[in-house]
Amino acid sequence: MKRLFLSSIDNKEKIIIFYIDSKNNVTQRYVRVISMNDDSVIAYCLWRKKIRTFKLENILSAGPIRKKVGA
């Protein structure tokens, strides 16, 4: 996961994360990572349209955003 976050920082790529919020709800977020440290990721959340801090321990999974192929 760390490599994906670093790639998002370097290439300004958007990624998707699945995250457990403070109320134990699993949320799906589309983000662009700005920076990270040992405990958290600071990212621009496309859903909230704000810079948010995500605890690494609460990120369940992360991956690249797949581009849709139309018919």
PDB file of N, CA and C in Angstrom:
ATOM      1  N   MET A   1       0.825  -1.187   0.000  1.00  0.00           N
ATOM      2  CA  MET A   1       0.000   0.000   0.000  1.00  0.00           C
ATOM      3  C   MET A   1       0.874   1.256   0.000  1.00  0.00           C
ATOM      4  N   LYS A   2       1.979   1.209   0.729  1.00  0.00           N
ATOM      5  CA  LYS A   2       2.842   2.375   0.832  1.00  0.00           C
ATOM      6  C   LYS A   2       3.340   2.816  -0.541  1.00  0.00           C
ATOM      7  N   ARG A   3       3.683   1.845  -1.388  1.00  0.00           N
ATOM      8  CA  ARG A   3       4.181   2.163  -2.721  1.00  0.00           C
ATOM      9  C   ARG A   3       3.101   2.870  -3.545  1.00  0.00           C
ATOM     10  N   LEU A   4       1.844   2.451  -3.397  1.00  0.00           N
ATOM     11  CA  LEU A   4       0.735   3.087  -4.099  1.00  0.00           C
ATOM     12  C   LEU A   4       0.568   4.541  -3.651  1.00  0.00           C
ATOM     13  N   PHE A   5       0.676   4.773  -2.345  1.00  0.00           N
ATOM     14  CA  PHE A   5       0.560   6.136  -1.823  1.00  0.00           C
ATOM     15  C   PHE A   5       1.690   7.020  -2.346  1.00  0.00           C
ATOM     16  N   LEU A   6       2.904   6.498  -2.357  1.00  0.00           N
ATOM     17  CA  LEU A   6       4.041   7.266  -2.863  1.00  0.00           C
ATOM     18  C   LEU A   6       3.889   7.563  -4.358  1.00  0.00           C
ATOM     19  N   SER A   7       3.351   6.609  -5.104  1.00  0.00           N
ATOM     20  CA  SER A   7       3.098   6.822  -6.527  1.00  0.00           C
ATOM     21  C   SER A   7       2.045   7.908  -6.731  1.00  0.00           C
ATOM     22  N   SER A   8       1.032   7.918  -5.895  1.00  0.00           N
ATOM     23  CA  SER A   8      -0.003   8.944  -5.973  1.00  0.00           C
ATOM     24  C   SER A   8       0.582  10.327  -5.698  1.00  0.00           C
ATOM     25  N   ILE A   9       1.512  10.405  -4.752  1.00  0.00           N
ATOM     26  CA  ILE A   9       2.172  11.680  -4.451  1.00  0.00           C
ATOM     27  C   ILE A   9       3.014  12.123  -5.644  1.00  0.00           C
ATOM     28  N   ASP A  10       3.859  11.234  -6.143  1.00  0.00           N
ATOM     29  CA  ASP A  10       4.800  11.579  -7.221  1.00  0.00           C
ATOM     30  C   ASP A  10       4.100  11.921  -8.532  1.00  0.00           C
ATOM     31  N   ASN A  11       3.064  11.155  -8.871  1.00  0.00           N
ATOM     32  CA  ASN A  11       2.410  11.313 -10.179  1.00  0.00           C
ATOM     33  C   ASN A  11       1.085  12.066 -10.120  1.00  0.00           C
ATOM     34  N   LYS A  12       0.709  12.529  -8.914  1.00  0.00           N
ATOM     35  CA  LYS A  12      -0.563  13.223  -8.706  1.00  0.00           C
ATOM     36  C   LYS A  12      -1.751  12.404  -9.234  1.00  0.00           C
ATOM     37  N   GLU A  13      -1.673  11.092  -8.985  1.00  0.00           N
ATOM     38  CA  GLU A  13      -2.729  10.171  -9.427  1.00  0.00           C
ATOM     39  C   GLU A  13      -3.802  10.026  -8.353  1.00  0.00           C
ATOM     40  N   LYS A  14      -5.019   9.841  -8.802  1.00  0.00           N
ATOM     41  CA  LYS A  14      -6.123   9.566  -7.881  1.00  0.00           C
ATOM     42  C   LYS A  14      -6.160   8.070  -7.607  1.00  0.00           C
ATOM     43  N   ILE A  15      -6.485   7.711  -6.364  1.00  0.00           N
ATOM     44  CA  ILE A  15      -6.620   6.317  -5.976  1.00  0.00           C
ATOM     45  C   ILE A  15      -7.923   6.151  -5.200  1.00  0.00           C
ATOM     46  N   ILE A  16      -8.297   4.910  -4.975  1.00  0.00           N
ATOM     47  CA  ILE A  16      -9.483   4.615  -4.172  1.00  0.00           C
ATOM     48  C   ILE A  16      -9.027   3.944  -2.880  1.00  0.00           C
ATOM     49  N   ILE A  17      -9.638   4.343  -1.774  1.00  0.00           N
ATOM     50  CA  ILE A  17      -9.347   3.685  -0.495  1.00  0.00           C
ATOM     51  C   ILE A  17     -10.668   3.262   0.144  1.00  0.00           C
ATOM     52  N   PHE A  18     -10.606   2.193   0.912  1.00  0.00           N
ATOM     53  CA  PHE A  18     -11.719   1.765   1.750  1.00  0.00           C
ATOM     54  C   PHE A  18     -11.266   2.007   3.177  1.00  0.00           C
ATOM     55  N   TYR A  19     -12.066   2.754   3.926  1.00  0.00           N
ATOM     56  CA  TYR A  19     -11.649   3.325   5.196  1.00  0.00           C
ATOM     57  C   TYR A  19     -12.724   3.120   6.255  1.00  0.00           C
ATOM     58  N   ILE A  20     -12.306   2.831   7.478  1.00  0.00           N
ATOM     59  CA  ILE A  20     -13.242   2.764   8.613  1.00  0.00           C
ATOM     60  C   ILE A  20     -13.231   4.130   9.287  1.00  0.00           C
ATOM     61  N   ASP A  21     -14.399   4.788   9.323  1.00  0.00           N
ATOM     62  CA  ASP A  21     -14.461   6.115   9.931  1.00  0.00           C
ATOM     63  C   ASP A  21     -14.609   6.019  11.451  1.00  0.00           C
ATOM     64  N   SER A  22     -14.755   7.150  12.101  1.00  0.00           N
ATOM     65  CA  SER A  22     -14.806   7.200  13.566  1.00  0.00           C
ATOM     66  C   SER A  22     -16.048   6.513  14.149  1.00  0.00           C
ATOM     67  N   LYS A  23     -17.078   6.310  13.307  1.00  0.00           N
ATOM     68  CA  LYS A  23     -18.302   5.641  13.757  1.00  0.00           C
ATOM     69  C   LYS A  23     -18.345   4.178  13.321  1.00  0.00           C
ATOM     70  N   ASN A  24     -17.178   3.635  12.944  1.00  0.00           N
ATOM     71  CA  ASN A  24     -17.034   2.247  12.489  1.00  0.00           C
ATOM     72  C   ASN A  24     -17.808   1.923  11.218  1.00  0.00           C
ATOM     73  N   ASN A  25     -18.055   2.935  10.394  1.00  0.00           N
ATOM     74  CA  ASN A  25     -18.665   2.718   9.079  1.00  0.00           C
ATOM     75  C   ASN A  25     -17.549   2.581   8.051  1.00  0.00           C
ATOM     76  N   VAL A  26     -17.703   1.642   7.141  1.00  0.00           N
ATOM     77  CA  VAL A  26     -16.730   1.497   6.066  1.00  0.00           C
ATOM     78  C   VAL A  26     -17.144   2.436   4.938  1.00  0.00           C
ATOM     79  N   THR A  27     -16.222   3.296   4.531  1.00  0.00           N
ATOM     80  CA  THR A  27     -16.493   4.238   3.452  1.00  0.00           C
ATOM     81  C   THR A  27     -15.503   4.031   2.325  1.00  0.00           C
ATOM     82  N   GLN A  28     -15.950   4.374   1.145  1.00  0.00           N
ATOM     83  CA  GLN A  28     -15.107   4.309  -0.047  1.00  0.00           C
ATOM     84  C   GLN A  28     -14.781   5.741  -0.427  1.00  0.00           C
ATOM     85  N   ARG A  29     -13.501   6.048  -0.577  1.00  0.00           N
ATOM     86  CA  ARG A  29     -13.097   7.413  -0.910  1.00  0.00           C
ATOM     87  C   ARG A  29     -12.176   7.431  -2.110  1.00  0.00           C
ATOM     88  N   TYR A  30     -12.379   8.396  -2.966  1.00  0.00           N
ATOM     89  CA  TYR A  30     -11.457   8.672  -4.061  1.00  0.00           C
ATOM     90  C   TYR A  30     -10.589   9.835  -3.609  1.00  0.00           C
ATOM     91  N   VAL A  31      -9.278   9.624  -3.584  1.00  0.00           N
ATOM     92  CA  VAL A  31      -8.377  10.630  -3.033  1.00  0.00           C
ATOM     93  C   VAL A  31      -7.143  10.805  -3.928  1.00  0.00           C
ATOM     94  N   ARG A  32      -6.475  11.935  -3.718  1.00  0.00           N
ATOM     95  CA  ARG A  32      -5.150  12.160  -4.278  1.00  0.00           C
ATOM     96  C   ARG A  32      -4.241  12.451  -3.091  1.00  0.00           C
ATOM     97  N   VAL A  33      -3.259  11.589  -2.887  1.00  0.00           N
ATOM     98  CA  VAL A  33      -2.399  11.685  -1.710  1.00  0.00           C
ATOM     99  C   VAL A  33      -1.468  12.884  -1.846  1.00  0.00           C
ATOM    100  N   ILE A  34      -1.378  13.664  -0.786  1.00  0.00           N
ATOM    101  CA  ILE A  34      -0.503  14.839  -0.744  1.00  0.00           C
ATOM    102  C   ILE A  34       0.786  14.509  -0.014  1.00  0.00           C
ATOM    103  N   SER A  35       0.655  13.833   1.138  1.00  0.00           N
ATOM    104  CA  SER A  35       1.836  13.421   1.905  1.00  0.00           C
ATOM    105  C   SER A  35       1.447  12.284   2.829  1.00  0.00           C
ATOM    106  N   MET A  36       2.469  11.658   3.392  1.00  0.00           N
ATOM    107  CA  MET A  36       2.212  10.592   4.349  1.00  0.00           C
ATOM    108  C   MET A  36       3.348  10.529   5.354  1.00  0.00           C
ATOM    109  N   ASN A  37       3.034   9.982   6.520  1.00  0.00           N
ATOM    110  CA  ASN A  37       4.057   9.728   7.534  1.00  0.00           C
ATOM    111  C   ASN A  37       3.826   8.319   8.077  1.00  0.00           C
ATOM    112  N   ASP A  38       4.419   7.998   9.198  1.00  0.00           N
ATOM    113  CA  ASP A  38       4.314   6.638   9.739  1.00  0.00           C
ATOM    114  C   ASP A  38       2.907   6.271  10.197  1.00  0.00           C
ATOM    115  N   ASP A  39       2.085   7.275  10.548  1.00  0.00           N
ATOM    116  CA  ASP A  39       0.771   7.006  11.126  1.00  0.00           C
ATOM    117  C   ASP A  39      -0.410   7.357  10.230  1.00  0.00           C
ATOM    118  N   SER A  40      -0.214   8.279   9.285  1.00  0.00           N
ATOM    119  CA  SER A  40      -1.366   8.775   8.540  1.00  0.00           C
ATOM    120  C   SER A  40      -1.016   9.190   7.117  1.00  0.00           C
ATOM    121  N   VAL A  41      -2.088   9.378   6.353  1.00  0.00           N
ATOM    122  CA  VAL A  41      -1.991   9.851   4.974  1.00  0.00           C
ATOM    123  C   VAL A  41      -2.800  11.140   4.894  1.00  0.00           C
ATOM    124  N   ILE A  42      -2.212  12.173   4.335  1.00  0.00           N
ATOM    125  CA  ILE A  42      -2.926  13.417   4.093  1.00  0.00           C
ATOM    126  C   ILE A  42      -3.252  13.432   2.607  1.00  0.00           C
ATOM    127  N   ALA A  43      -4.548  13.573   2.307  1.00  0.00           N
ATOM    128  CA  ALA A  43      -4.983  13.468   0.924  1.00  0.00           C
ATOM    129  C   ALA A  43      -6.141  14.416   0.653  1.00  0.00           C
ATOM    130  N   TYR A  44      -6.259  14.793  -0.610  1.00  0.00           N
ATOM    131  CA  TYR A  44      -7.421  15.560  -1.042  1.00  0.00           C
ATOM    132  C   TYR A  44      -8.535  14.564  -1.348  1.00  0.00           C
ATOM    133  N   CYS A  45      -9.646  14.680  -0.640  1.00  0.00           N
ATOM    134  CA  CYS A  45     -10.785  13.780  -0.817  1.00  0.00           C
ATOM    135  C   CYS A  45     -11.714  14.377  -1.873  1.00  0.00           C
ATOM    136  N   LEU A  46     -11.916  13.658  -2.957  1.00  0.00           N
ATOM    137  CA  LEU A  46     -12.752  14.143  -4.045  1.00  0.00           C
ATOM    138  C   LEU A  46     -14.230  14.168  -3.669  1.00  0.00           C
ATOM    139  N   TRP A  47     -14.620  13.349  -2.701  1.00  0.00           N
ATOM    140  CA  TRP A  47     -16.015  13.312  -2.260  1.00  0.00           C
ATOM    141  C   TRP A  47     -16.344  14.523  -1.379  1.00  0.00           C
ATOM    142  N   ARG A  48     -15.477  14.796  -0.412  1.00  0.00           N
ATOM    143  CA  ARG A  48     -15.700  15.927   0.494  1.00  0.00           C
ATOM    144  C   ARG A  48     -15.186  17.253  -0.061  1.00  0.00           C
ATOM    145  N   LYS A  49     -14.333  17.155  -1.096  1.00  0.00           N
ATOM    146  CA  LYS A  49     -13.702  18.332  -1.704  1.00  0.00           C
ATOM    147  C   LYS A  49     -12.890  19.129  -0.683  1.00  0.00           C
ATOM    148  N   LYS A  50     -12.175  18.372   0.154  1.00  0.00           N
ATOM    149  CA  LYS A  50     -11.341  18.966   1.205  1.00  0.00           C
ATOM    150  C   LYS A  50     -10.125  18.087   1.432  1.00  0.00           C
ATOM    151  N   ILE A  51      -9.106  18.679   2.011  1.00  0.00           N
ATOM    152  CA  ILE A  51      -7.944  17.903   2.428  1.00  0.00           C
ATOM    153  C   ILE A  51      -8.305  17.210   3.735  1.00  0.00           C
ATOM    154  N   ARG A  52      -8.074  15.889   3.768  1.00  0.00           N
ATOM    155  CA  ARG A  52      -8.421  15.082   4.933  1.00  0.00           C
ATOM    156  C   ARG A  52      -7.217  14.278   5.393  1.00  0.00           C
ATOM    157  N   THR A  53      -7.229  13.904   6.650  1.00  0.00           N
ATOM    158  CA  THR A  53      -6.195  13.036   7.212  1.00  0.00           C
ATOM    159  C   THR A  53      -6.810  11.672   7.486  1.00  0.00           C
ATOM    160  N   PHE A  54      -6.178  10.633   6.954  1.00  0.00           N
ATOM    161  CA  PHE A  54      -6.653   9.259   7.125  1.00  0.00           C
ATOM    162  C   PHE A  54      -5.606   8.487   7.915  1.00  0.00           C
ATOM    163  N   LYS A  55      -6.021   7.872   9.022  1.00  0.00           N
ATOM    164  CA  LYS A  55      -5.106   7.039   9.802  1.00  0.00           C
ATOM    165  C   LYS A  55      -4.792   5.772   9.011  1.00  0.00           C
ATOM    166  N   LEU A  56      -3.520   5.439   8.920  1.00  0.00           N
ATOM    167  CA  LEU A  56      -3.123   4.242   8.174  1.00  0.00           C
ATOM    168  C   LEU A  56      -3.765   2.980   8.742  1.00  0.00           C
ATOM    169  N   GLU A  57      -3.906   2.917  10.066  1.00  0.00           N
ATOM    170  CA  GLU A  57      -4.490   1.722  10.686  1.00  0.00           C
ATOM    171  C   GLU A  57      -5.964   1.544  10.320  1.00  0.00           C
ATOM    172  N   ASN A  58      -6.631   2.611   9.858  1.00  0.00           N
ATOM    173  CA  ASN A  58      -8.047   2.525   9.490  1.00  0.00           C
ATOM    174  C   ASN A  58      -8.276   2.320   7.997  1.00  0.00           C
ATOM    175  N   ILE A  59      -7.214   2.327   7.201  1.00  0.00           N
ATOM    176  CA  ILE A  59      -7.353   2.076   5.766  1.00  0.00           C
ATOM    177  C   ILE A  59      -7.344   0.562   5.550  1.00  0.00           C
ATOM    178  N   LEU A  60      -8.468   0.035   5.091  1.00  0.00           N
ATOM    179  CA  LEU A  60      -8.603  -1.405   4.893  1.00  0.00           C
ATOM    180  C   LEU A  60      -7.903  -1.857   3.621  1.00  0.00           C
ATOM    181  N   SER A  61      -8.075  -1.095   2.539  1.00  0.00           N
ATOM    182  CA  SER A  61      -7.411  -1.421   1.287  1.00  0.00           C
ATOM    183  C   SER A  61      -7.347  -0.176   0.423  1.00  0.00           C
ATOM    184  N   ALA A  62      -6.468  -0.242  -0.568  1.00  0.00           N
ATOM    185  CA  ALA A  62      -6.299   0.878  -1.501  1.00  0.00           C
ATOM    186  C   ALA A  62      -5.901   0.310  -2.843  1.00  0.00           C
ATOM    187  N   GLY A  63      -6.271   1.046  -3.885  1.00  0.00           N
ATOM    188  CA  GLY A  63      -5.916   0.587  -5.222  1.00  0.00           C
ATOM    189  C   GLY A  63      -6.053   1.701  -6.227  1.00  0.00           C
ATOM    190  N   PRO A  64      -5.545   1.456  -7.428  1.00  0.00           N
ATOM    191  CA  PRO A  64      -5.670   2.447  -8.488  1.00  0.00           C
ATOM    192  C   PRO A  64      -7.122   2.526  -8.963  1.00  0.00           C
ATOM    193  N   ILE A  65      -7.500   3.653  -9.521  1.00  0.00           N
ATOM    194  CA  ILE A  65      -8.832   3.793 -10.091  1.00  0.00           C
ATOM    195  C   ILE A  65      -8.791   3.226 -11.499  1.00  0.00           C
ATOM    196  N   ARG A  66      -9.647   2.287 -11.760  1.00  0.00           N
ATOM    197  CA  ARG A  66      -9.705   1.648 -13.074  1.00  0.00           C
ATOM    198  C   ARG A  66     -10.450   2.567 -14.048  1.00  0.00           C
ATOM    199  N   LYS A  67      -9.891   2.731 -15.209  1.00  0.00           N
ATOM    200  CA  LYS A  67     -10.555   3.541 -16.223  1.00  0.00           C
ATOM    201  C   LYS A  67     -11.630   2.699 -16.904  1.00  0.00           C
ATOM    202  N   LYS A  68     -12.802   3.284 -17.065  1.00  0.00           N
ATOM    203  CA  LYS A  68     -13.918   2.572 -17.688  1.00  0.00           C
ATOM    204  C   LYS A  68     -13.706   2.542 -19.203  1.00  0.00           C
ATOM    205  N   VAL A  69     -14.027   1.406 -19.775  1.00  0.00           N
ATOM    206  CA  VAL A  69     -13.930   1.247 -21.220  1.00  0.00           C
ATOM    207  C   VAL A  69     -15.346   1.171 -21.763  1.00  0.00           C
ATOM    208  N   GLY A  70     -15.692   2.131 -22.609  1.00  0.00           N
ATOM    209  CA  GLY A  70     -17.052   2.177 -23.147  1.00  0.00           C
ATOM    210  C   GLY A  70     -17.224   1.268 -24.347  1.00  0.00           C
ATOM    211  N   ALA A  71     -18.475   0.964 -24.663  1.00  0.00           N
ATOM    212  CA  ALA A  71     -18.774   0.086 -25.806  1.00  0.00           C
ATOM    213  C   ALA A  71     -18.830   0.888 -27.084  1.00  0.00           C
TER     214      ALA A  71
END
